[in-house]
C-alpha atoms as a PDB file:
ATOM      1  CA  MET A   1    -162.936 -67.516 123.714  1.00  0.00           C
ATOM      2  CA  PRO A   2    -166.767 -67.226 122.770  1.00  0.00           C
ATOM      3  CA  GLU A   3    -167.968 -68.993 119.596  1.00  0.00           C
ATOM      4  CA  PRO A   4    -168.582 -66.604 116.474  1.00  0.00           C
ATOM      5  CA  GLN A   5    -172.150 -65.865 116.107  1.00  0.00           C
ATOM      6  CA  PRO A   6    -173.836 -67.385 113.039  1.00  0.00           C
ATOM      7  CA  LEU A   7    -174.684 -64.838 110.347  1.00  0.00           C
ATOM      8  CA  GLU A   8    -178.147 -63.739 109.967  1.00  0.00           C
ATOM      9  CA  PRO A   9    -179.786 -65.588 107.112  1.00  0.00           C
ATOM     10  CA  SER A  10    -179.539 -64.251 103.824  1.00  0.00           C
ATOM     11  CA  SER A  11    -181.249 -65.131 100.434  1.00  0.00           C
ATOM     12  CA  TYR A  12    -178.925 -67.544  98.650  1.00  0.00           C
ATOM     13  CA  VAL A  13    -179.380 -69.580  95.563  1.00  0.00           C
ATOM     14  CA  PRO A  14    -176.840 -72.353  94.852  1.00  0.00           C
ATOM     15  CA  GLY A  15    -174.959 -71.620  91.942  1.00  0.00           C
ATOM     16  CA  GLY A  16    -176.294 -68.097  91.774  1.00  0.00           C
ATOM     17  CA  THR A  17    -175.894 -64.886  94.188  1.00  0.00           C
ATOM     18  CA  ALA A  18    -176.287 -63.838  97.566  1.00  0.00           C
ATOM     19  CA  GLU A  19    -178.074 -60.889  98.893  1.00  0.00           C
ATOM     20  CA  LEU A  20    -176.586 -59.985 102.112  1.00  0.00           C
ATOM     21  CA  VAL A  21    -178.336 -58.404 104.812  1.00  0.00           C
ATOM     22  CA  PRO A  22    -176.982 -54.938 106.535  1.00  0.00           C
ATOM     23  CA  ALA A  23    -175.450 -56.862 109.376  1.00  0.00           C
ATOM     24  CA  ASP A  24    -173.657 -59.255 106.907  1.00  0.00           C
ATOM     25  CA  ALA A  25    -172.274 -56.682 105.175  1.00  0.00           C
ATOM     26  CA  GLU A  26    -171.047 -54.643 108.238  1.00  0.00           C
ATOM     27  CA  ILE A  27    -169.239 -57.665 109.439  1.00  0.00           C
ATOM     28  CA  LEU A  28    -167.654 -58.291 105.987  1.00  0.00           C
ATOM     29  CA  ARG A  29    -166.556 -54.694 105.966  1.00  0.00           C
ATOM     30  CA  THR A  30    -164.999 -54.254 109.560  1.00  0.00           C
ATOM     31  CA  GLY A  31    -164.077 -57.917 109.991  1.00  0.00           C
ATOM     32  CA  PRO A  32    -165.340 -60.216 112.915  1.00  0.00           C
ATOM     33  CA  GLY A  33    -165.915 -58.534 116.097  1.00  0.00           C
ATOM     34  CA  GLY A  34    -165.625 -55.010 114.639  1.00  0.00           C
ATOM     35  CA  ARG A  35    -161.730 -54.899 114.898  1.00  0.00           C
ATOM     36  CA  GLY A  36    -161.245 -52.639 111.934  1.00  0.00           C
ATOM     37  CA  PRO A  37    -161.202 -52.902 108.498  1.00  0.00           C
ATOM     38  CA  ARG A  38    -159.601 -55.777 106.472  1.00  0.00           C
ATOM     39  CA  GLY A  39    -157.614 -53.667 104.065  1.00  0.00           C
ATOM     40  CA  PRO A  40    -157.658 -50.036 102.809  1.00  0.00           C
ATOM     41  CA  ASP A  41    -160.498 -48.865 100.885  1.00  0.00           C
ATOM     42  CA  PRO A  42    -159.633 -48.073  97.358  1.00  0.00           C
ATOM     43  CA  THR A  43    -162.179 -45.598  96.905  1.00  0.00           C
ATOM     44  CA  ALA A  44    -161.175 -43.723 100.115  1.00  0.00           C
ATOM     45  CA  ALA A  45    -159.349 -40.258  99.684  1.00  0.00           C
ATOM     46  CA  PRO A  46    -155.572 -40.441 100.205  1.00  0.00           C
ATOM     47  CA  SER A  47    -154.528 -39.172 103.626  1.00  0.00           C
ATOM     48  CA  ALA A  48    -152.214 -36.599 104.296  1.00  0.00           C
ATOM     49  CA  ALA A  49    -149.429 -38.621 104.964  1.00  0.00           C
ATOM     50  CA  ALA A  50    -150.015 -40.497 101.784  1.00  0.00           C
ATOM     51  CA  GLU A  51    -149.825 -37.138  99.878  1.00  0.00           C
ATOM     52  CA  GLU A  52    -146.479 -36.450 101.473  1.00  0.00           C
ATOM     53  CA  ARG A  53    -145.087 -39.497 100.258  1.00  0.00           C
ATOM     54  CA  VAL A  54    -146.058 -39.302  96.876  1.00  0.00           C
ATOM     55  CA  ARG A  55    -144.991 -35.569  96.308  1.00  0.00           C
ATOM     56  CA  SER A  56    -142.135 -35.215  93.816  1.00  0.00           C
ATOM     57  CA  LEU A  57    -139.146 -33.204  93.959  1.00  0.00           C
ATOM     58  CA  TRP A  58    -140.508 -30.264  91.987  1.00  0.00           C
ATOM     59  CA  SER A  59    -143.655 -30.328  93.990  1.00  0.00           C
ATOM     60  CA  ASP A  60    -141.995 -30.760  97.361  1.00  0.00           C
ATOM     61  CA  ALA A  61    -139.693 -27.712  96.505  1.00  0.00           C
ATOM     62  CA  TRP A  62    -142.652 -25.513  95.715  1.00  0.00           C
ATOM     63  CA  HIS A  63    -144.251 -26.645  98.953  1.00  0.00           C
ATOM     64  CA  ASP A  64    -140.927 -25.337 100.797  1.00  0.00           C
ATOM     65  CA  LEU A  65    -140.383 -22.303  98.555  1.00  0.00           C
ATOM     66  CA  ARG A  66    -144.027 -20.902  99.523  1.00  0.00           C
ATOM     67  CA  ARG A  67    -143.082 -20.755 102.971  1.00  0.00           C
ATOM     68  CA  ASN A  68    -139.768 -19.469 102.826  1.00  0.00           C
ATOM     69  CA  PRO A  69    -139.821 -15.529 103.328  1.00  0.00           C
ATOM     70  CA  VAL A  70    -136.476 -15.178 101.243  1.00  0.00           C
ATOM     71  CA  PHE A  71    -138.023 -16.431  98.158  1.00  0.00           C
ATOM     72  CA  LEU A  72    -141.262 -14.452  98.564  1.00  0.00           C
ATOM     73  CA  VAL A  73    -139.631 -11.232  99.351  1.00  0.00           C
ATOM     74  CA  SER A  74    -136.883 -11.611  96.326  1.00  0.00           C
ATOM     75  CA  ALA A  75    -139.989 -13.055  93.976  1.00  0.00           C
ATOM     76  CA  LEU A  76    -142.127  -9.959  94.697  1.00  0.00           C
ATOM     77  CA  VAL A  77    -139.049  -7.354  94.017  1.00  0.00           C
ATOM     78  CA  ILE A  78    -138.418  -9.486  90.670  1.00  0.00           C
ATOM     79  CA  LEU A  79    -141.997  -9.324  89.751  1.00  0.00           C
ATOM     80  CA  PHE A  80    -142.063  -5.703  90.401  1.00  0.00           C
ATOM     81  CA  LEU A  81    -138.900  -5.241  88.067  1.00  0.00           C
ATOM     82  CA  VAL A  82    -140.380  -7.422  85.271  1.00  0.00           C
ATOM     83  CA  LEU A  83    -143.391  -5.314  85.132  1.00  0.00           C
ATOM     84  CA  ILE A  84    -141.688  -1.968  85.040  1.00  0.00           C
ATOM     85  CA  ALA A  85    -139.486  -3.184  82.534  1.00  0.00           C
ATOM     86  CA  LEU A  86    -142.216  -4.248  80.256  1.00  0.00           C
ATOM     87  CA  TRP A  87    -144.624  -1.089  81.049  1.00  0.00           C
ATOM     88  CA  PRO A  88    -142.212   1.734  82.571  1.00  0.00           C
ATOM     89  CA  GLN A  89    -144.656   4.317  81.566  1.00  0.00           C
ATOM     90  CA  LEU A  90    -146.966   3.010  84.234  1.00  0.00           C
ATOM     91  CA  ILE A  91    -144.920   4.845  86.857  1.00  0.00           C
ATOM     92  CA  ALA A  92    -142.712   7.063  84.830  1.00  0.00           C
ATOM     93  CA  PRO A  93    -144.556   8.488  82.016  1.00  0.00           C
ATOM     94  CA  GLY A  94    -141.885  10.993  80.842  1.00  0.00           C
ATOM     95  CA  ASN A  95    -139.071  10.465  78.229  1.00  0.00           C
ATOM     96  CA  PRO A  96    -135.644   9.513  79.604  1.00  0.00           C
ATOM     97  CA  LEU A  97    -134.003  11.035  76.652  1.00  0.00           C
ATOM     98  CA  ASP A  98    -135.559  14.412  77.313  1.00  0.00           C
ATOM     99  CA  CYS A  99    -133.023  16.567  79.047  1.00  0.00           C
ATOM    100  CA  ASP A 100    -132.534  20.352  80.116  1.00  0.00           C
ATOM    101  CA  LEU A 101    -129.051  21.575  80.716  1.00  0.00           C
ATOM    102  CA  ALA A 102    -130.791  24.425  82.791  1.00  0.00           C
ATOM    103  CA  LYS A 103    -131.501  21.854  85.251  1.00  0.00           C
ATOM    104  CA  ALA A 104    -128.307  20.000  85.336  1.00  0.00           C
ATOM    105  CA  GLN A 105    -127.373  18.819  88.792  1.00  0.00           C
ATOM    106  CA  GLN A 106    -130.489  19.963  90.600  1.00  0.00           C
ATOM    107  CA  GLY A 107    -131.580  18.113  93.475  1.00  0.00           C
ATOM    108  CA  PRO A 108    -134.895  16.353  94.297  1.00  0.00           C
ATOM    109  CA  GLY A 109    -137.834  18.730  93.907  1.00  0.00           C
ATOM    110  CA  PRO A 110    -141.685  18.823  93.003  1.00  0.00           C
ATOM    111  CA  GLY A 111    -142.240  16.357  90.285  1.00  0.00           C
ATOM    112  CA  HIS A 112    -138.761  15.019  90.201  1.00  0.00           C
ATOM    113  CA  LEU A 113    -138.217  12.996  93.115  1.00  0.00           C
ATOM    114  CA  PHE A 114    -134.687  11.871  92.376  1.00  0.00           C
ATOM    115  CA  GLY A 115    -133.407  15.198  90.939  1.00  0.00           C
ATOM    116  CA  PHE A 116    -131.283  15.765  87.795  1.00  0.00           C
ATOM    117  CA  ASN A 117    -128.009  14.346  86.406  1.00  0.00           C
ATOM    118  CA  GLY A 118    -125.247  16.131  84.867  1.00  0.00           C
ATOM    119  CA  GLN A 119    -126.876  16.502  81.520  1.00  0.00           C
ATOM    120  CA  GLY A 120    -130.130  17.666  82.956  1.00  0.00           C
ATOM    121  CA  CYS A 121    -131.860  14.365  82.585  1.00  0.00           C
ATOM    122  CA  ASP A 122    -134.618  13.327  85.035  1.00  0.00           C
ATOM    123  CA  VAL A 123    -132.892  10.651  87.209  1.00  0.00           C
ATOM    124  CA  TYR A 124    -136.342   9.111  88.274  1.00  0.00           C
ATOM    125  CA  THR A 125    -137.379   8.640  84.666  1.00  0.00           C
ATOM    126  CA  ARG A 126    -133.989   7.192  83.666  1.00  0.00           C
ATOM    127  CA  THR A 127    -133.818   4.862  86.659  1.00  0.00           C
ATOM    128  CA  VAL A 128    -137.007   3.157  85.923  1.00  0.00           C
ATOM    129  CA  HIS A 129    -136.572   2.855  82.179  1.00  0.00           C
ATOM    130  CA  GLY A 130    -132.958   1.359  82.789  1.00  0.00           C
ATOM    131  CA  ALA A 131    -134.891  -1.707  84.330  1.00  0.00           C
ATOM    132  CA  ARG A 132    -135.699  -2.699  80.744  1.00  0.00           C
ATOM    133  CA  THR A 133    -132.244  -2.971  79.454  1.00  0.00           C
ATOM    134  CA  SER A 134    -130.916  -4.780  82.651  1.00  0.00           C
ATOM    135  CA  VAL A 135    -133.802  -7.391  82.646  1.00  0.00           C
ATOM    136  CA  THR A 136    -133.644  -7.863  79.100  1.00  0.00           C
ATOM    137  CA  VAL A 137    -129.858  -8.416  79.204  1.00  0.00           C
ATOM    138  CA  GLY A 138    -129.818 -10.769  82.408  1.00  0.00           C
ATOM    139  CA  VAL A 139    -132.875 -12.864  81.048  1.00  0.00           C
ATOM    140  CA  CYS A 140    -131.567 -13.235  77.387  1.00  0.00           C
ATOM    141  CA  ALA A 141    -127.942 -14.060  78.514  1.00  0.00           C
ATOM    142  CA  THR A 142    -129.131 -16.546  81.167  1.00  0.00           C
ATOM    143  CA  LEU A 143    -131.371 -18.294  78.634  1.00  0.00           C
ATOM    144  CA  GLY A 144    -128.830 -18.589  76.092  1.00  0.00           C
ATOM    145  CA  VAL A 145    -126.227 -19.850  78.609  1.00  0.00           C
ATOM    146  CA  ALA A 146    -128.496 -22.300  80.044  1.00  0.00           C
ATOM    147  CA  VAL A 147    -129.410 -23.757  76.752  1.00  0.00           C
ATOM    148  CA  LEU A 148    -126.091 -23.966  75.324  1.00  0.00           C
ATOM    149  CA  GLY A 149    -124.409 -25.284  78.302  1.00  0.00           C
ATOM    150  CA  SER A 150    -127.103 -27.773  78.962  1.00  0.00           C
ATOM    151  CA  VAL A 151    -127.136 -29.485  75.542  1.00  0.00           C
ATOM    152  CA  LEU A 152    -123.229 -29.562  75.268  1.00  0.00           C
ATOM    153  CA  GLY A 153    -122.842 -30.473  78.832  1.00  0.00           C
ATOM    154  CA  GLY A 154    -125.558 -33.127  78.704  1.00  0.00           C
ATOM    155  CA  LEU A 155    -124.445 -34.783  75.508  1.00  0.00           C
ATOM    156  CA  ALA A 156    -120.826 -34.809  76.722  1.00  0.00           C
ATOM    157  CA  GLY A 157    -121.726 -36.596  79.946  1.00  0.00           C
ATOM    158  CA  PHE A 158    -123.983 -38.971  78.438  1.00  0.00           C
ATOM    159  CA  PHE A 159    -122.026 -40.262  75.422  1.00  0.00           C
ATOM    160  CA  GLY A 160    -118.422 -39.392  76.945  1.00  0.00           C
ATOM    161  CA  GLY A 161    -115.497 -40.655  74.780  1.00  0.00           C
ATOM    162  CA  VAL A 162    -113.578 -38.099  72.365  1.00  0.00           C
ATOM    163  CA  GLY A 163    -116.506 -35.480  72.489  1.00  0.00           C
ATOM    164  CA  ASP A 164    -116.447 -35.484  76.475  1.00  0.00           C
ATOM    165  CA  ALA A 165    -112.456 -35.056  76.344  1.00  0.00           C
ATOM    166  CA  ILE A 166    -112.522 -32.259  73.788  1.00  0.00           C
ATOM    167  CA  LEU A 167    -115.366 -30.415  75.339  1.00  0.00           C
ATOM    168  CA  SER A 168    -113.513 -30.556  78.920  1.00  0.00           C
ATOM    169  CA  ARG A 169    -110.381 -28.902  77.392  1.00  0.00           C
ATOM    170  CA  VAL A 170    -112.536 -26.317  75.551  1.00  0.00           C
ATOM    171  CA  THR A 171    -114.088 -25.316  78.750  1.00  0.00           C
ATOM    172  CA  ASP A 172    -110.636 -25.218  80.451  1.00  0.00           C
ATOM    173  CA  VAL A 173    -109.593 -22.536  77.873  1.00  0.00           C
ATOM    174  CA  PHE A 174    -112.724 -20.427  78.206  1.00  0.00           C
ATOM    175  CA  PHE A 175    -112.355 -20.561  81.871  1.00  0.00           C
ATOM    176  CA  ALA A 176    -108.876 -19.064  81.412  1.00  0.00           C
ATOM    177  CA  ILE A 177    -110.302 -15.817  79.866  1.00  0.00           C
ATOM    178  CA  PRO A 178    -110.800 -13.130  82.416  1.00  0.00           C
ATOM    179  CA  VAL A 179    -114.336 -11.845  81.782  1.00  0.00           C
ATOM    180  CA  VAL A 180    -114.097  -8.053  82.056  1.00  0.00           C
ATOM    181  CA  LEU A 181    -110.810  -8.372  79.977  1.00  0.00           C
ATOM    182  CA  GLY A 182    -112.575 -10.408  77.303  1.00  0.00           C
ATOM    183  CA  GLY A 183    -115.287  -8.016  77.177  1.00  0.00           C
ATOM    184  CA  LEU A 184    -112.996  -4.945  76.919  1.00  0.00           C
ATOM    185  CA  VAL A 185    -111.015  -6.796  73.857  1.00  0.00           C
ATOM    186  CA  LEU A 186    -114.315  -8.056  71.977  1.00  0.00           C
ATOM    187  CA  LEU A 187    -116.907  -5.312  72.683  1.00  0.00           C
ATOM    188  CA  SER A 188    -114.333  -2.449  71.832  1.00  0.00           C
ATOM    189  CA  VAL A 189    -114.816  -3.091  68.075  1.00  0.00           C
ATOM    190  CA  VAL A 190    -118.565  -3.150  68.343  1.00  0.00           C
ATOM    191  CA  THR A 191    -120.613   0.073  67.424  1.00  0.00           C
ATOM    192  CA  SER A 192    -124.067  -1.302  67.630  1.00  0.00           C
ATOM    193  CA  PRO A 193    -126.049   0.498  70.222  1.00  0.00           C
ATOM    194  CA  THR A 194    -128.320  -2.601  71.001  1.00  0.00           C
ATOM    195  CA  VAL A 195    -128.033  -5.224  73.779  1.00  0.00           C
ATOM    196  CA  TRP A 196    -127.450  -8.072  71.193  1.00  0.00           C
ATOM    197  CA  PRO A 197    -123.726  -7.871  71.228  1.00  0.00           C
ATOM    198  CA  VAL A 198    -123.298  -7.637  74.842  1.00  0.00           C
ATOM    199  CA  ILE A 199    -125.806 -10.853  75.281  1.00  0.00           C
ATOM    200  CA  GLY A 200    -123.846 -12.587  72.658  1.00  0.00           C
ATOM    201  CA  PHE A 201    -120.688 -12.005  74.567  1.00  0.00           C
ATOM    202  CA  MET A 202    -122.290 -13.275  77.789  1.00  0.00           C
ATOM    203  CA  VAL A 203    -123.361 -16.388  76.287  1.00  0.00           C
ATOM    204  CA  LEU A 204    -119.961 -16.859  74.582  1.00  0.00           C
ATOM    205  CA  LEU A 205    -117.911 -16.791  77.877  1.00  0.00           C
ATOM    206  CA  GLY A 206    -120.581 -18.126  80.470  1.00  0.00           C
ATOM    207  CA  TRP A 207    -121.823 -21.321  78.918  1.00  0.00           C
ATOM    208  CA  PRO A 208    -118.857 -23.214  80.235  1.00  0.00           C
ATOM    209  CA  GLN A 209    -119.875 -23.100  83.681  1.00  0.00           C
ATOM    210  CA  ILE A 210    -123.370 -24.620  83.112  1.00  0.00           C
ATOM    211  CA  SER A 211    -121.806 -26.928  80.694  1.00  0.00           C
ATOM    212  CA  ARG A 212    -119.729 -28.300  83.359  1.00  0.00           C
ATOM    213  CA  ILE A 213    -122.406 -28.614  85.795  1.00  0.00           C
ATOM    214  CA  ALA A 214    -124.759 -30.278  83.471  1.00  0.00           C
ATOM    215  CA  ARG A 215    -122.147 -32.619  82.581  1.00  0.00           C
ATOM    216  CA  GLY A 216    -121.685 -33.805  86.147  1.00  0.00           C
ATOM    217  CA  SER A 217    -125.289 -34.126  86.932  1.00  0.00           C
ATOM    218  CA  VAL A 218    -125.794 -36.333  83.834  1.00  0.00           C
ATOM    219  CA  ILE A 219    -122.809 -38.547  84.714  1.00  0.00           C
ATOM    220  CA  THR A 220    -124.622 -39.109  88.252  1.00  0.00           C
ATOM    221  CA  ALA A 221    -127.990 -39.480  86.823  1.00  0.00           C
ATOM    222  CA  ARG A 222    -126.973 -42.195  84.224  1.00  0.00           C
ATOM    223  CA  GLN A 223    -125.723 -44.438  86.969  1.00  0.00           C
ATOM    224  CA  ASN A 224    -129.007 -44.733  88.541  1.00  0.00           C
ATOM    225  CA  ASP A 225    -131.015 -48.124  88.460  1.00  0.00           C
ATOM    226  CA  TYR A 226    -133.998 -46.576  86.660  1.00  0.00           C
ATOM    227  CA  VAL A 227    -131.526 -45.703  83.777  1.00  0.00           C
ATOM    228  CA  GLN A 228    -130.236 -49.252  83.486  1.00  0.00           C
ATOM    229  CA  ALA A 229    -133.732 -50.556  83.518  1.00  0.00           C
ATOM    230  CA  ALA A 230    -134.668 -48.468  80.541  1.00  0.00           C
ATOM    231  CA  ARG A 231    -131.640 -49.465  78.778  1.00  0.00           C
ATOM    232  CA  ALA A 232    -132.231 -53.096  79.548  1.00  0.00           C
ATOM    233  CA  LEU A 233    -135.877 -52.698  77.917  1.00  0.00           C
ATOM    234  CA  GLY A 234    -134.455 -51.328  74.883  1.00  0.00           C
ATOM    235  CA  ALA A 235    -135.146 -47.632  75.206  1.00  0.00           C
ATOM    236  CA  SER A 236    -133.164 -45.528  72.632  1.00  0.00           C
ATOM    237  CA  PRO A 237    -130.222 -43.383  73.957  1.00  0.00           C
ATOM    238  CA  MET A 238    -132.063 -40.112  73.283  1.00  0.00           C
ATOM    239  CA  ARG A 239    -135.314 -41.214  75.017  1.00  0.00           C
ATOM    240  CA  ILE A 240    -133.185 -42.290  78.079  1.00  0.00           C
ATOM    241  CA  LEU A 241    -131.554 -38.890  77.787  1.00  0.00           C
ATOM    242  CA  LEU A 242    -134.791 -36.925  77.365  1.00  0.00           C
ATOM    243  CA  ARG A 243    -137.476 -38.743  79.415  1.00  0.00           C
ATOM    244  CA  HIS A 244    -135.165 -40.270  82.363  1.00  0.00           C
ATOM    245  CA  ILE A 245    -132.035 -38.432  82.794  1.00  0.00           C
ATOM    246  CA  ALA A 246    -132.723 -34.841  81.909  1.00  0.00           C
ATOM    247  CA  PRO A 247    -135.783 -34.208  84.242  1.00  0.00           C
ATOM    248  CA  ASN A 248    -133.252 -35.606  87.216  1.00  0.00           C
ATOM    249  CA  ALA A 249    -130.169 -33.658  86.346  1.00  0.00           C
ATOM    250  CA  ILE A 250    -131.931 -30.309  85.417  1.00  0.00           C
ATOM    251  CA  ALA A 251    -132.001 -29.220  89.109  1.00  0.00           C
ATOM    252  CA  PRO A 252    -128.559 -27.890  89.684  1.00  0.00           C
ATOM    253  CA  VAL A 253    -128.521 -25.904  86.050  1.00  0.00           C
ATOM    254  CA  ILE A 254    -131.570 -24.071  87.228  1.00  0.00           C
ATOM    255  CA  VAL A 255    -129.987 -23.062  90.586  1.00  0.00           C
ATOM    256  CA  VAL A 256    -126.677 -21.787  88.893  1.00  0.00           C
ATOM    257  CA  ALA A 257    -128.737 -20.285  86.033  1.00  0.00           C
ATOM    258  CA  THR A 258    -130.954 -18.175  88.541  1.00  0.00           C
ATOM    259  CA  ILE A 259    -127.976 -16.942  90.597  1.00  0.00           C
ATOM    260  CA  ALA A 260    -126.030 -16.255  87.126  1.00  0.00           C
ATOM    261  CA  LEU A 261    -128.810 -13.996  86.115  1.00  0.00           C
ATOM    262  CA  GLY A 262    -128.142 -11.253  88.615  1.00  0.00           C
ATOM    263  CA  THR A 263    -124.399 -11.597  87.840  1.00  0.00           C
ATOM    264  CA  TYR A 264    -124.982 -11.243  84.251  1.00  0.00           C
ATOM    265  CA  ILE A 265    -127.103  -7.847  85.135  1.00  0.00           C
ATOM    266  CA  ALA A 266    -124.155  -6.589  87.147  1.00  0.00           C
ATOM    267  CA  LEU A 267    -121.771  -7.658  84.382  1.00  0.00           C
ATOM    268  CA  GLU A 268    -123.748  -5.465  81.847  1.00  0.00           C
ATOM    269  CA  ALA A 269    -123.494  -2.384  84.189  1.00  0.00           C
ATOM    270  CA  THR A 270    -119.703  -2.853  84.373  1.00  0.00           C
ATOM    271  CA  LEU A 271    -119.236  -2.927  80.852  1.00  0.00           C
ATOM    272  CA  SER A 272    -121.318  -0.102  80.153  1.00  0.00           C
ATOM    273  CA  TYR A 273    -119.674   1.872  82.997  1.00  0.00           C
ATOM    274  CA  LEU A 274    -116.388   1.065  81.151  1.00  0.00           C
ATOM    275  CA  GLY A 275    -117.627   2.297  77.834  1.00  0.00           C
ATOM    276  CA  VAL A 276    -117.575  -0.992  76.031  1.00  0.00           C
ATOM    277  CA  GLY A 277    -121.258  -2.223  76.741  1.00  0.00           C
ATOM    278  CA  LEU A 278    -124.181  -0.332  75.882  1.00  0.00           C
ATOM    279  CA  LYS A 279    -123.792   3.147  74.536  1.00  0.00           C
ATOM    280  CA  PRO A 280    -125.961   6.235  74.632  1.00  0.00           C
ATOM    281  CA  PRO A 281    -128.698   6.757  73.548  1.00  0.00           C
ATOM    282  CA  SER A 282    -129.284   3.523  75.118  1.00  0.00           C
ATOM    283  CA  VAL A 283    -130.856   3.806  78.687  1.00  0.00           C
ATOM    284  CA  SER A 284    -128.683   1.670  81.120  1.00  0.00           C
ATOM    285  CA  TRP A 285    -127.821   1.995  84.860  1.00  0.00           C
ATOM    286  CA  GLY A 286    -124.304   1.343  83.928  1.00  0.00           C
ATOM    287  CA  ILE A 287    -124.371   4.157  81.698  1.00  0.00           C
ATOM    288  CA  ASP A 288    -125.825   6.464  84.447  1.00  0.00           C
ATOM    289  CA  ILE A 289    -123.551   5.302  86.964  1.00  0.00           C
ATOM    290  CA  SER A 290    -120.582   6.023  84.545  1.00  0.00           C
ATOM    291  CA  ALA A 291    -122.130   9.628  83.722  1.00  0.00           C
ATOM    292  CA  ALA A 292    -122.650  10.628  87.473  1.00  0.00           C
ATOM    293  CA  SER A 293    -119.366   9.573  88.619  1.00  0.00           C
ATOM    294  CA  PRO A 294    -117.441  12.777  87.774  1.00  0.00           C
ATOM    295  CA  TYR A 295    -120.081  14.793  89.669  1.00  0.00           C
ATOM    296  CA  ILE A 296    -120.384  12.566  92.892  1.00  0.00           C
ATOM    297  CA  ARG A 297    -119.587  15.496  94.955  1.00  0.00           C
ATOM    298  CA  ASN A 298    -122.033  18.141  93.452  1.00  0.00           C
ATOM    299  CA  ALA A 299    -124.630  15.750  92.801  1.00  0.00           C
ATOM    300  CA  PRO A 300    -124.425  12.534  94.507  1.00  0.00           C
ATOM    301  CA  HIS A 301    -128.408  11.720  94.004  1.00  0.00           C
ATOM    302  CA  ALA A 302    -127.605  11.219  90.455  1.00  0.00           C
ATOM    303  CA  LEU A 303    -125.130   8.107  91.528  1.00  0.00           C
ATOM    304  CA  LEU A 304    -127.009   7.010  94.423  1.00  0.00           C
ATOM    305  CA  TRP A 305    -130.371   5.950  92.492  1.00  0.00           C
ATOM    306  CA  PRO A 306    -129.157   3.936  89.682  1.00  0.00           C
ATOM    307  CA  SER A 307    -126.533   2.465  91.861  1.00  0.00           C
ATOM    308  CA  GLY A 308    -129.385   1.525  94.504  1.00  0.00           C
ATOM    309  CA  ALA A 309    -131.489   0.054  91.627  1.00  0.00           C
ATOM    310  CA  LEU A 310    -128.684  -1.934  90.331  1.00  0.00           C
ATOM    311  CA  ALA A 311    -127.950  -3.558  93.853  1.00  0.00           C
ATOM    312  CA  VAL A 312    -131.406  -4.264  94.787  1.00  0.00           C
ATOM    313  CA  THR A 313    -131.794  -6.018  91.458  1.00  0.00           C
ATOM    314  CA  VAL A 314    -128.524  -8.172  91.950  1.00  0.00           C
ATOM    315  CA  LEU A 315    -129.417  -9.186  95.237  1.00  0.00           C
ATOM    316  CA  ALA A 316    -132.944 -10.338  94.662  1.00  0.00           C
ATOM    317  CA  PHE A 317    -131.848 -12.619  92.080  1.00  0.00           C
ATOM    318  CA  ILE A 318    -129.104 -13.720  94.235  1.00  0.00           C
ATOM    319  CA  MET A 319    -131.726 -14.319  96.987  1.00  0.00           C
ATOM    320  CA  LEU A 320    -133.912 -16.171  94.717  1.00  0.00           C
ATOM    321  CA  GLY A 321    -131.163 -18.460  93.654  1.00  0.00           C
ATOM    322  CA  ASP A 322    -130.389 -19.422  97.247  1.00  0.00           C
ATOM    323  CA  ALA A 323    -133.808 -20.096  98.050  1.00  0.00           C
ATOM    324  CA  VAL A 324    -134.388 -22.365  94.882  1.00  0.00           C
ATOM    325  CA  ARG A 325    -130.975 -24.210  95.868  1.00  0.00           C
ATOM    326  CA  ASP A 326    -132.173 -24.855  99.262  1.00  0.00           C
ATOM    327  CA  ALA A 327    -135.446 -26.159  98.113  1.00  0.00           C
ATOM    328  CA  LEU A 328    -134.090 -28.334  95.345  1.00  0.00           C
ATOM    329  CA  ASP A 329    -131.150 -29.793  97.167  1.00  0.00           C
ATOM    330  CA  PRO A 330    -132.197 -32.890  99.242  1.00  0.00           C
ATOM    331  CA  LYS A 331    -128.843 -32.887 101.521  1.00  0.00           C
ATOM    332  CA  LEU A 332    -130.072 -29.261 102.755  1.00  0.00           C
ATOM    333  CA  ARG A 333    -133.512 -30.764 104.326  1.00  0.00           C
END
């Protein structure tokens, strides 16, 4: 083995600093013989592999969602529904309550793409404006159910004890109530034409499902080592719950709530069809489906379009929930 060559002379003062010439600096950077760096350069940009390793669950899920065609299609449909729910006049400037009995049950024609229903109302205008009611009910009911169920289930799963046992028995009672039958009983005495009684009913009967899922997620998360370490360091129970457990237990709740949003939209249409949900003069797909059912032979178009809009909306939210579930569940990777 050849002996290492001596370094070129550099100006050195005992007890002072050394000024290295370029050759000395290159040897210190690459190592003797240029066999590569002695260690990682802290100033160098992280490699692609390093970035892959440091991605969190949420960034990793977003990385997968952006490449999922099911998510992209459903998200575009939902974005379109939200836009027409906020500003239906953009594509349907007419009034959904303007009806002309002389045009009752007429088919599609110039200026009226979907024809008229049994009351002489423009089906296209009512279908577009009906998206506002469905999206409002679905979003508000989902938010109410997610917040109430997550809080009750999370507290019960974290603290346990008598409160957990009581909540478990209460959820069992609510699970035993048929949703449609409960709506027929509770909403039959409500005369308000607004959406809030329907939303309140959905929150009342929908929170137990989210509560049970949140409880199980919290019980699983509190057994992890990082929770035990935080407790050993003296963190308060609420800090442990909010800062360490909740971010790691919320993913199943988000998945179930996303899928449930489409279910609540279908439930509102079902209750309105049965006459106990929204009532005229509210504009709802369920009301239009109910009004068009007796005329299905003479005017099938009046039933087709609101039913199709309802089916597409529910399907879009279910597809979105499935895509989110696949992205957030590590077992499916």
